[in-house]
Protein backbone atom coordinates (compact mmCIF):
# COMPACT_ATOMS: atom_id res chain seq x y z
CA MET A 1 -0.07 0.10 -0.07
CA PRO A 2 1.36 3.36 -0.92
CA ASP A 3 2.68 5.66 1.80
CA PRO A 4 -0.65 8.04 2.35
CA THR A 5 1.78 11.03 3.74
CA VAL A 6 2.81 13.82 1.26
CA ASN A 7 5.86 15.73 1.84
CA LEU A 8 6.53 18.48 -0.48
CA ALA A 9 9.79 20.09 -0.93
CA ARG A 10 9.91 23.27 0.72
CA TYR A 11 12.12 26.64 0.08
CA ARG A 12 12.65 29.66 2.27
CA TRP A 13 12.55 32.25 -0.69
CA ALA A 14 14.50 34.94 1.37
CA GLU A 15 17.37 32.67 2.34
CA LEU A 16 17.92 31.50 -1.24
CA ASP A 17 20.97 32.93 -3.55
CA GLU A 18 20.10 33.16 -7.01
CA PRO A 19 21.07 29.68 -8.11
CA GLY A 20 19.10 28.36 -5.25
CA ARG A 21 16.24 30.37 -6.30
CA ARG A 22 16.54 29.25 -10.06
CA ALA A 23 16.46 25.75 -8.69
CA ALA A 24 13.39 26.20 -6.51
CA LEU A 25 11.69 27.38 -9.58
CA ALA A 26 12.99 24.93 -11.83
CA ARG A 27 10.61 22.78 -14.17
CA PRO A 28 11.17 18.91 -14.48
CA GLU A 29 13.60 18.08 -17.13
CA ALA A 30 12.48 16.37 -20.00
CA ALA A 31 13.59 12.89 -19.88
CA HIS A 32 15.50 11.39 -22.96
CA ARG A 33 15.07 14.49 -24.76
CA ASP A 34 17.70 13.48 -27.63
CA SER A 35 16.19 10.15 -28.26
CA LEU A 36 12.85 11.60 -28.32
CA ALA A 37 13.84 14.39 -30.87
CA ALA A 38 15.31 11.71 -33.27
CA ASP A 39 12.07 9.23 -32.64
CA VAL A 40 10.07 11.79 -33.87
CA ALA A 41 11.84 13.04 -36.81
CA ALA A 42 12.01 9.08 -37.85
CA ILE A 43 8.10 9.02 -37.47
CA ILE A 44 7.73 12.38 -39.61
CA ALA A 45 9.88 11.08 -42.62
CA ALA A 46 7.80 7.92 -42.20
CA VAL A 47 4.64 9.60 -42.89
CA ARG A 48 6.07 11.95 -45.41
CA ARG A 49 7.42 9.09 -47.20
CA ASP A 50 4.45 6.63 -47.03
CA GLY A 51 1.24 8.79 -46.30
CA ASP A 52 -1.61 6.65 -45.07
CA ALA A 53 0.18 3.68 -44.93
CA ALA A 54 2.53 4.92 -42.42
CA LEU A 55 -0.52 6.17 -40.27
CA ARG A 56 -2.11 2.99 -40.28
CA HIS A 57 0.96 1.11 -39.44
CA PHE A 58 1.58 3.54 -36.39
CA ALA A 59 -2.17 3.13 -35.29
CA GLN A 60 -1.35 -0.46 -34.97
CA ARG A 61 2.02 0.26 -33.29
CA PHE A 62 1.03 2.81 -30.80
CA ASP A 63 -2.70 2.57 -30.50
CA GLY A 64 -3.16 -1.38 -30.98
CA VAL A 65 -6.12 -0.79 -33.51
CA THR A 66 -6.47 -1.66 -36.98
CA LEU A 67 -8.05 1.24 -38.87
CA GLU A 68 -10.27 0.40 -42.14
CA ALA A 69 -10.83 4.12 -42.54
CA LEU A 70 -8.93 7.28 -41.10
CA ARG A 71 -11.85 9.77 -41.79
CA VAL A 72 -14.77 9.55 -39.20
CA SER A 73 -17.82 8.66 -40.86
CA GLN A 74 -21.23 10.52 -40.75
CA ASP A 75 -22.92 7.33 -38.90
CA GLU A 76 -19.86 7.56 -36.13
CA PHE A 77 -20.83 11.30 -35.38
CA ASP A 78 -24.54 10.19 -34.84
CA ALA A 79 -23.55 7.26 -32.86
CA ALA A 80 -21.13 9.28 -30.73
CA GLU A 81 -24.03 12.02 -30.01
CA ALA A 82 -26.26 9.45 -29.16
CA ALA A 83 -23.77 7.79 -26.74
CA LEU A 84 -24.06 10.82 -24.58
CA SER A 85 -26.86 11.93 -21.95
CA GLU A 86 -28.60 14.76 -22.65
CA ILE A 87 -26.82 16.48 -19.47
CA GLN A 88 -23.56 15.99 -21.00
CA ARG A 89 -24.73 17.30 -24.47
CA ASN A 90 -26.31 20.44 -22.83
CA ALA A 91 -22.90 20.97 -20.96
CA LEU A 92 -20.89 20.86 -24.03
CA ARG A 93 -23.31 22.91 -25.56
CA THR A 94 -23.03 25.73 -22.65
CA ALA A 95 -19.07 25.56 -22.64
CA ILE A 96 -19.30 26.27 -26.42
CA ASP A 97 -21.77 29.50 -26.02
CA ASN A 98 -19.37 30.65 -23.10
CA VAL A 99 -16.31 30.21 -24.96
CA ARG A 100 -18.01 31.70 -28.12
CA ALA A 101 -18.99 34.97 -26.11
CA PHE A 102 -15.47 35.41 -24.74
CA HIS A 103 -13.58 34.87 -27.98
CA ALA A 104 -16.27 37.00 -30.17
CA ALA A 105 -15.41 39.92 -27.98
CA GLN A 106 -11.97 39.91 -28.99
CA LEU A 107 -12.78 40.58 -32.58
CA ALA A 108 -11.52 43.96 -34.00
CA GLY A 109 -12.49 45.62 -37.36
CA PRO A 110 -10.07 47.08 -39.54
CA ILE A 111 -7.68 49.95 -38.34
CA SER A 112 -7.01 53.12 -40.58
CA VAL A 113 -5.02 56.00 -39.63
CA GLU A 114 -3.69 58.90 -41.71
CA THR A 115 -0.11 59.46 -40.57
CA MET A 116 0.48 62.41 -42.67
CA PRO A 117 -1.82 64.41 -44.84
CA GLY A 118 -2.63 62.06 -48.07
CA VAL A 119 -0.65 59.06 -46.50
CA VAL A 120 -3.20 56.46 -44.93
CA CYS A 121 -2.05 53.21 -42.97
CA ARG A 122 -4.53 50.47 -42.66
CA ARG A 123 -4.52 47.07 -40.85
CA ILE A 124 -6.83 44.21 -42.12
CA THR A 125 -7.71 40.99 -41.09
CA ARG A 126 -7.87 37.75 -43.04
CA PRO A 127 -8.55 34.08 -41.56
CA ILE A 128 -5.48 31.70 -41.61
CA ARG A 129 -6.63 29.66 -44.78
CA ALA A 130 -6.26 25.96 -43.19
CA VAL A 131 -5.95 25.08 -39.48
CA GLY A 132 -5.36 21.78 -37.98
CA LEU A 133 -6.80 21.06 -34.33
CA TYR A 134 -5.01 18.25 -32.60
CA VAL A 135 -7.26 16.96 -29.89
CA PRO A 136 -5.56 14.09 -27.30
CA ALA A 137 -7.39 11.26 -25.99
CA GLY A 138 -4.87 9.01 -24.66
CA SER A 139 -5.63 8.40 -20.75
CA ALA A 140 -8.07 11.22 -20.51
CA PRO A 141 -10.36 12.32 -23.64
CA LEU A 142 -10.34 15.96 -23.88
CA PRO A 143 -13.64 17.38 -25.64
CA SER A 144 -12.80 20.71 -23.68
CA THR A 145 -9.98 21.16 -26.04
CA VAL A 146 -12.13 20.62 -28.95
CA ILE A 147 -14.01 23.42 -27.90
CA MET A 148 -11.02 25.71 -27.39
CA LEU A 149 -9.65 25.30 -30.54
CA ALA A 150 -12.62 24.97 -32.88
CA VAL A 151 -14.72 27.85 -31.53
CA PRO A 152 -12.13 30.57 -32.41
CA ALA A 153 -11.24 28.79 -35.58
CA ALA A 154 -15.02 29.10 -36.68
CA LEU A 155 -15.27 32.52 -35.26
CA ALA A 156 -12.31 33.70 -37.49
CA GLY A 157 -13.62 32.16 -40.51
CA CYS A 158 -11.13 29.73 -41.34
CA PRO A 159 -12.00 28.06 -44.23
CA GLN A 160 -10.42 24.80 -43.76
CA ARG A 161 -10.62 23.28 -40.17
CA ILE A 162 -9.69 19.76 -39.68
CA LEU A 163 -9.51 17.69 -36.38
CA CYS A 164 -7.17 14.78 -35.69
CA THR A 165 -7.66 12.59 -32.58
CA PRO A 166 -6.12 9.33 -31.41
CA PRO A 167 -8.46 6.15 -31.93
CA GLN A 168 -9.72 4.20 -28.62
CA LYS A 169 -9.09 0.69 -28.08
CA ASP A 170 -12.42 -0.12 -30.08
CA GLY A 171 -10.88 1.86 -33.26
CA HIS A 172 -13.30 4.64 -32.68
CA ALA A 173 -13.24 8.29 -31.59
CA ASP A 174 -14.14 9.35 -28.07
CA PRO A 175 -17.98 10.05 -28.20
CA ALA A 176 -17.52 13.27 -26.36
CA VAL A 177 -14.90 14.47 -28.50
CA LEU A 178 -16.73 13.92 -31.84
CA THR A 179 -19.82 15.20 -29.95
CA ALA A 180 -18.03 18.49 -29.20
CA ALA A 181 -16.35 18.63 -32.72
CA ARG A 182 -19.91 18.35 -34.41
CA TYR A 183 -21.35 21.15 -32.24
CA CYS A 184 -18.63 23.46 -33.17
CA GLY A 185 -19.04 22.89 -36.83
CA VAL A 186 -15.88 20.66 -37.52
CA GLU A 187 -16.76 18.07 -40.13
CA GLU A 188 -13.45 16.46 -41.04
CA VAL A 189 -12.14 14.67 -38.09
CA TYR A 190 -9.42 11.88 -38.61
CA LEU A 191 -8.29 8.89 -36.43
CA VAL A 192 -4.69 9.83 -35.89
CA GLY A 193 -2.78 10.67 -32.99
CA GLY A 194 0.90 11.51 -31.55
CA ALA A 195 3.71 12.63 -33.79
CA GLN A 196 1.91 11.13 -36.91
CA ALA A 197 -0.95 13.28 -36.57
CA VAL A 198 1.31 16.46 -36.61
CA ALA A 199 3.32 15.18 -39.72
CA ALA A 200 0.08 14.31 -41.56
CA MET A 201 -1.45 17.61 -41.02
CA ALA A 202 2.01 19.40 -41.74
CA TYR A 203 2.70 17.94 -45.18
CA GLY A 204 -0.63 15.98 -45.93
CA THR A 205 -1.34 12.37 -46.84
CA GLU A 206 -3.56 10.70 -49.38
CA THR A 207 -6.56 11.29 -47.10
CA ILE A 208 -5.62 14.10 -44.82
CA PRO A 209 -5.04 17.64 -46.32
CA ALA A 210 -2.11 19.39 -45.43
CA VAL A 211 -2.79 22.81 -43.04
CA ASP A 212 -1.03 26.06 -42.50
CA LYS A 213 -0.90 25.81 -38.74
CA ILE A 214 -1.64 23.27 -36.05
CA TYR A 215 -2.87 23.77 -32.80
CA GLY A 216 -3.66 21.95 -29.43
CA PRO A 217 -1.63 20.32 -26.90
CA GLY A 218 -0.24 17.02 -26.24
CA ASN A 219 2.57 14.74 -25.06
CA ALA A 220 6.00 15.09 -25.32
CA PHE A 221 6.10 13.62 -29.11
CA VAL A 222 3.26 15.78 -30.10
CA THR A 223 5.10 18.71 -28.66
CA GLU A 224 8.40 17.76 -30.53
CA ALA A 225 6.74 16.93 -33.71
CA LYS A 226 5.02 20.41 -33.68
CA LEU A 227 8.27 22.05 -33.17
CA GLN A 228 10.13 20.05 -35.66
CA VAL A 229 7.47 20.95 -38.29
CA SER A 230 7.23 24.53 -37.48
CA ARG A 231 11.18 24.96 -38.02
CA ASP A 232 10.63 23.67 -41.70
CA PRO A 233 9.38 26.06 -44.57
CA ASP A 234 7.29 23.35 -45.90
CA GLY A 235 5.64 22.32 -42.52
CA ALA A 236 3.51 24.01 -40.74
CA ALA A 237 3.47 26.88 -37.99
CA LEU A 238 2.23 26.03 -34.44
CA ASP A 239 0.18 27.70 -32.16
CA LEU A 240 2.62 28.34 -28.91
CA PRO A 241 5.68 26.82 -27.33
CA ALA A 242 4.61 24.38 -24.64
CA GLY A 243 5.57 21.70 -21.98
CA PRO A 244 3.77 19.85 -19.30
CA SER A 245 1.01 21.53 -17.29
CA GLU A 246 1.40 23.48 -14.36
CA VAL A 247 -0.16 25.46 -11.78
CA LEU A 248 1.05 27.98 -9.12
CA VAL A 249 -1.50 28.71 -6.13
CA ILE A 250 -0.62 31.78 -4.10
CA ALA A 251 -2.58 31.51 -0.76
CA ASP A 252 -2.29 33.02 2.76
CA GLY A 253 -2.88 31.56 6.09
CA ARG A 254 -6.79 32.42 5.70
CA ALA A 255 -7.04 30.21 2.58
CA ASP A 256 -8.91 27.02 2.72
CA PRO A 257 -6.23 24.35 3.01
CA GLU A 258 -8.64 21.63 0.88
CA PHE A 259 -9.56 23.99 -1.92
CA VAL A 260 -5.91 24.76 -2.18
CA ALA A 261 -5.15 20.86 -2.29
CA ALA A 262 -7.66 19.96 -4.78
CA ASP A 263 -6.52 22.97 -7.23
CA LEU A 264 -2.86 21.40 -7.02
CA LEU A 265 -4.01 18.07 -7.40
CA SER A 266 -6.13 19.18 -10.36
CA GLN A 267 -2.78 19.74 -12.34
CA ALA A 268 -0.92 16.93 -10.77
CA GLU A 269 -3.46 14.24 -12.46
CA HIS A 270 -2.48 15.40 -15.85
CA GLY A 271 0.60 13.67 -15.75
CA ALA A 272 3.65 12.47 -14.12
CA ASP A 273 5.67 15.41 -15.50
CA SER A 274 3.25 17.89 -14.34
CA GLN A 275 4.28 20.43 -11.88
CA VAL A 276 2.32 22.30 -9.04
CA VAL A 277 3.76 25.06 -6.85
CA LEU A 278 2.48 26.48 -3.50
CA VAL A 279 3.75 30.08 -2.72
CA THR A 280 2.87 30.98 0.75
CA PRO A 281 3.87 33.35 3.66
CA SER A 282 2.19 30.58 6.01
CA PRO A 283 3.79 27.61 7.18
CA GLU A 284 0.59 26.55 8.79
CA LEU A 285 -1.28 26.66 5.68
CA ALA A 286 1.58 24.58 4.03
CA ASP A 287 1.23 21.88 6.89
CA ALA A 288 -2.58 21.77 6.34
CA VAL A 289 -2.71 21.47 2.54
CA GLU A 290 0.21 18.72 2.65
CA ALA A 291 -2.23 16.65 4.87
CA ALA A 292 -5.22 17.54 2.56
CA VAL A 293 -3.42 16.61 -0.51
CA ALA A 294 -2.58 12.95 1.13
CA ALA A 295 -6.31 12.71 2.19
CA GLN A 296 -7.58 13.50 -1.22
CA LEU A 297 -4.95 11.47 -3.21
CA THR A 298 -6.75 8.37 -1.47
CA VAL A 299 -10.20 8.92 -3.43
CA LEU A 300 -8.44 10.16 -6.77
CA PRO A 301 -8.63 7.41 -9.58
CA ARG A 302 -5.70 8.53 -11.13
CA ASN A 303 -3.52 8.86 -7.79
CA ASP A 304 -0.74 7.26 -9.18
CA VAL A 305 -0.28 9.72 -11.62
CA ALA A 306 -0.79 12.64 -9.29
CA ARG A 307 1.55 11.52 -6.70
CA ALA A 308 4.43 10.71 -9.42
CA ALA A 309 3.91 14.56 -10.21
CA LEU A 310 4.26 15.76 -6.69
CA GLU A 311 7.80 14.01 -6.43
CA HIS A 312 8.71 17.44 -8.21
CA ALA A 313 6.16 19.74 -6.57
CA ARG A 314 7.31 22.54 -4.01
CA VAL A 315 6.10 24.79 -1.48
CA VAL A 316 8.07 28.31 -1.47
CA PHE A 317 7.84 30.55 1.89
CA THR A 318 7.83 34.19 1.22
CA ARG A 319 7.87 36.95 3.73
CA ASP A 320 4.68 38.50 2.64
CA LEU A 321 2.16 38.29 -0.36
CA ALA A 322 4.15 41.07 -2.51
CA GLU A 323 7.08 38.83 -2.38
CA ALA A 324 4.87 35.94 -3.22
CA PHE A 325 3.40 37.68 -6.42
CA ALA A 326 7.30 38.63 -7.31
CA VAL A 327 8.20 34.75 -7.01
CA SER A 328 5.10 33.83 -9.42
CA ASN A 329 6.33 36.71 -11.87
CA LEU A 330 9.70 35.03 -12.19
CA TYR A 331 8.26 31.42 -12.58
CA GLY A 332 5.69 32.70 -15.40
CA PRO A 333 2.86 29.93 -14.71
CA GLU A 334 0.73 28.51 -17.15
CA HIS A 335 -2.29 28.70 -14.45
CA LEU A 336 -1.92 31.08 -11.36
CA ILE A 337 -4.56 30.74 -8.63
CA VAL A 338 -4.82 33.28 -6.34
CA GLN A 339 -6.44 32.41 -2.90
CA VAL A 340 -6.25 35.38 -0.55
CA PRO A 341 -9.00 37.99 0.52
CA ASP A 342 -9.56 40.56 -1.90
CA ALA A 343 -7.91 38.60 -4.67
CA GLU A 344 -8.93 41.38 -7.30
CA ALA A 345 -6.93 43.92 -5.62
CA TRP A 346 -3.92 41.89 -6.13
CA LEU A 347 -4.36 41.43 -9.83
CA GLU A 348 -2.20 44.60 -10.80
CA HIS A 349 1.01 42.70 -9.19
CA VAL A 350 0.41 39.62 -12.03
CA GLU A 351 2.93 40.68 -14.92
CA THR A 352 3.42 36.93 -16.29
CA ALA A 353 0.64 34.19 -16.56
CA GLY A 354 -1.24 32.17 -19.03
CA SER A 355 -4.22 32.40 -17.01
CA VAL A 356 -5.40 33.93 -13.45
CA PHE A 357 -7.87 32.56 -11.36
CA LEU A 358 -8.99 34.99 -8.82
CA GLY A 359 -10.47 33.90 -5.26
CA ASP A 360 -11.90 31.06 -3.39
CA TRP A 361 -14.55 30.26 -5.61
CA THR A 362 -12.53 30.19 -9.13
CA PRO A 363 -11.00 26.80 -9.30
CA GLU A 364 -8.57 26.16 -12.26
CA SER A 365 -11.09 23.63 -13.57
CA LEU A 366 -13.53 26.80 -14.67
CA GLY A 367 -11.06 27.87 -17.30
CA ASP A 368 -10.22 24.38 -18.20
CA TYR A 369 -13.75 23.59 -19.35
CA CYS A 370 -16.39 26.41 -19.48
CA SER A 371 -15.82 29.71 -17.97
CA GLY A 372 -15.21 31.20 -21.40
CA THR A 373 -11.43 31.69 -21.42
CA ASN A 374 -9.09 29.45 -23.14
CA HIS A 375 -7.22 26.62 -21.90
CA VAL A 376 -4.46 26.18 -24.52
CA LEU A 377 -1.73 28.12 -22.53
CA PRO A 378 2.16 28.67 -22.52
CA THR A 379 3.97 26.39 -19.84
CA TYR A 380 7.42 25.76 -18.89
CA GLY A 381 8.03 29.84 -18.26
CA TYR A 382 6.72 30.52 -21.96
CA ALA A 383 3.97 32.62 -20.16
CA ARG A 384 6.86 35.28 -19.78
CA ALA A 385 6.90 36.19 -23.40
CA TRP A 386 3.80 34.46 -24.79
CA SER A 387 0.07 34.88 -24.54
CA GLY A 388 -2.57 32.04 -24.43
CA LEU A 389 -4.48 31.24 -27.23
CA SER A 390 -6.64 34.05 -28.72
CA MET A 391 -8.81 34.93 -31.96
CA ALA A 392 -5.38 36.50 -32.99
CA ASP A 393 -3.86 33.16 -33.47
CA PHE A 394 -6.12 32.19 -36.23
CA GLN A 395 -6.09 35.69 -38.18
CA LEU A 396 -3.15 36.95 -40.51
CA HIS A 397 -2.98 40.91 -39.49
CA ILE A 398 -1.75 42.30 -42.97
CA SER A 399 -1.03 46.23 -43.02
CA VAL A 400 -1.58 48.26 -46.03
CA GLN A 401 -0.40 51.69 -47.21
CA GLU A 402 -1.24 54.09 -49.63
CA ALA A 403 -0.16 57.89 -50.58
CA THR A 404 -1.64 60.03 -52.74
CA PRO A 405 0.70 62.45 -55.23
CA ASP A 406 0.44 64.99 -52.52
CA GLY A 407 1.04 62.91 -49.57
CA PHE A 408 4.01 61.33 -51.77
CA ARG A 409 5.32 64.83 -52.03
CA LEU A 410 5.41 65.22 -48.19
CA ILE A 411 6.85 61.96 -47.33
CA GLY A 412 8.88 61.27 -50.22
CA PRO A 413 11.96 63.23 -49.27
CA ILE A 414 11.82 61.85 -45.63
CA THR A 415 11.74 58.23 -46.83
CA ARG A 416 14.84 59.21 -49.36
CA THR A 417 17.10 60.95 -46.58
CA LEU A 418 16.51 57.79 -44.38
CA ALA A 419 17.25 55.31 -47.27
CA GLU A 420 20.42 57.37 -47.86
CA LEU A 421 21.18 56.96 -44.24
CA GLU A 422 21.22 53.23 -44.54
CA ARG A 423 22.94 53.39 -47.87
CA LEU A 424 20.33 51.48 -49.69
CA ASP A 425 20.32 53.50 -53.01
CA ALA A 426 17.62 51.38 -54.79
CA HIS A 427 15.43 52.40 -51.92
CA ALA A 428 16.42 55.73 -52.55
CA LEU A 429 16.29 55.80 -56.09
CA ALA A 430 12.36 54.44 -56.29
CA VAL A 431 11.41 57.52 -54.31
CA LYS A 432 13.84 59.69 -56.59
CA LEU A 433 12.24 58.87 -59.58
CA ARG A 434 8.50 59.30 -58.51
CA LEU A 435 9.44 62.71 -56.99
CA GLU A 436 11.12 63.75 -60.43
CA ALA A 437 7.69 62.81 -62.11
CA LEU A 438 5.86 64.97 -59.65
CA GLY A 439 8.42 67.48 -60.70
CA GLN A 440 10.00 67.71 -57.35
CA PRO A 441 13.79 66.98 -58.09
CA GLN A 442 16.30 66.52 -55.32
CA ALA A 443 20.00 66.41 -55.40
CA PRO A 444 21.29 63.58 -57.33
CA LEU A 445 22.19 60.27 -55.58
CA PRO A 446 25.49 60.24 -53.63
CA THR A 447 28.16 58.28 -55.87
CA ARG A 448 29.34 55.34 -53.99
CA LYS A 449 32.10 53.16 -54.45
CA VAL A 450 31.17 49.76 -55.25
CA ASP A 451 33.36 47.15 -53.28
CA ALA A 452 35.32 44.62 -55.34
């Protein structure tokens, strides 16, 4: 019987030097990183070479199923929807409505600014032509990820939206994943998982069309495959860099330890490489949270996964809440939960985080499923420079400029001067010829010695 006690690694921030602080906030190292990259490269090469045949081979090898067809039929969509209860179908519909409402509010119209008389600059928006949505369905199928990807793709008006998800042991897609896809308007779903799904969407096969950008979370193989195809000009872009899931909870002595423990475990159960961090000025709270975590583990079906993740969990003690937020900003968490009185007042102290959950009644679970925000977020510290998925990730923002003849008379000489400063004479010549055509000559271009 496993040890029921839980002992999280503890650090006192004020007593740590810089190397100690880096160690306290270090993420788990990805195991076998070099061999993983080589294995993924081999899978990608096989899919590019053998197409559908490679996908069927990998389905047998990794998923243990023999696939007759890669694309999900309408009959399978119908059966999947019928397999769900009305309560489950309504929950999916409500989540879709909330996510759609929040993301629709992000849509912005074109911008037009006259920067000088007769010189107009605009920004116009176009949807990304073809997008590939990846939805994991291994130990825990994720219909919520369908919603997070498919709703903004539809709102953006992406003309082609395809979805790949691994087959279950029975050779079919998870019913909730298929039903969510149908409710979000995704008609093309393919039974392909892992790095091979990423390769198929990036380069195309006989059945699966190639896309311009790939979205969605996944295991280490999926993440590595997205990185590899995004570096290839013939591949596909990725949504954002990510690693294992993580949460950081800031809580003081007045927080409910049961709530804090449940929030930590909600991330720990994602995978053995997930990381959970508690930052608090209260040793008493930490003791109570450890006891609550141990008790809650006994009733979790995935307690073995969560317990493995807790091996690299940690508690960081700070002198006060201000220091706690400074620690969080250095860490850059995927999810930041703030369980302190007047949590809203502390929001101004948050500088880096994928998504923030304020107060005792806002568990991270809400954002994962149905509050309306997107749960595809930067992890592994990328939140210090990247944002979570939004409407902008499904759109192209194109700048446009136009000058009238009078506008060119004003801006042309400035342009030529700057081009000459940079010694780019062809740039200057493009302006000079037009100024002369308008009867506004300037001094001749300077003669430059051509390097041998």
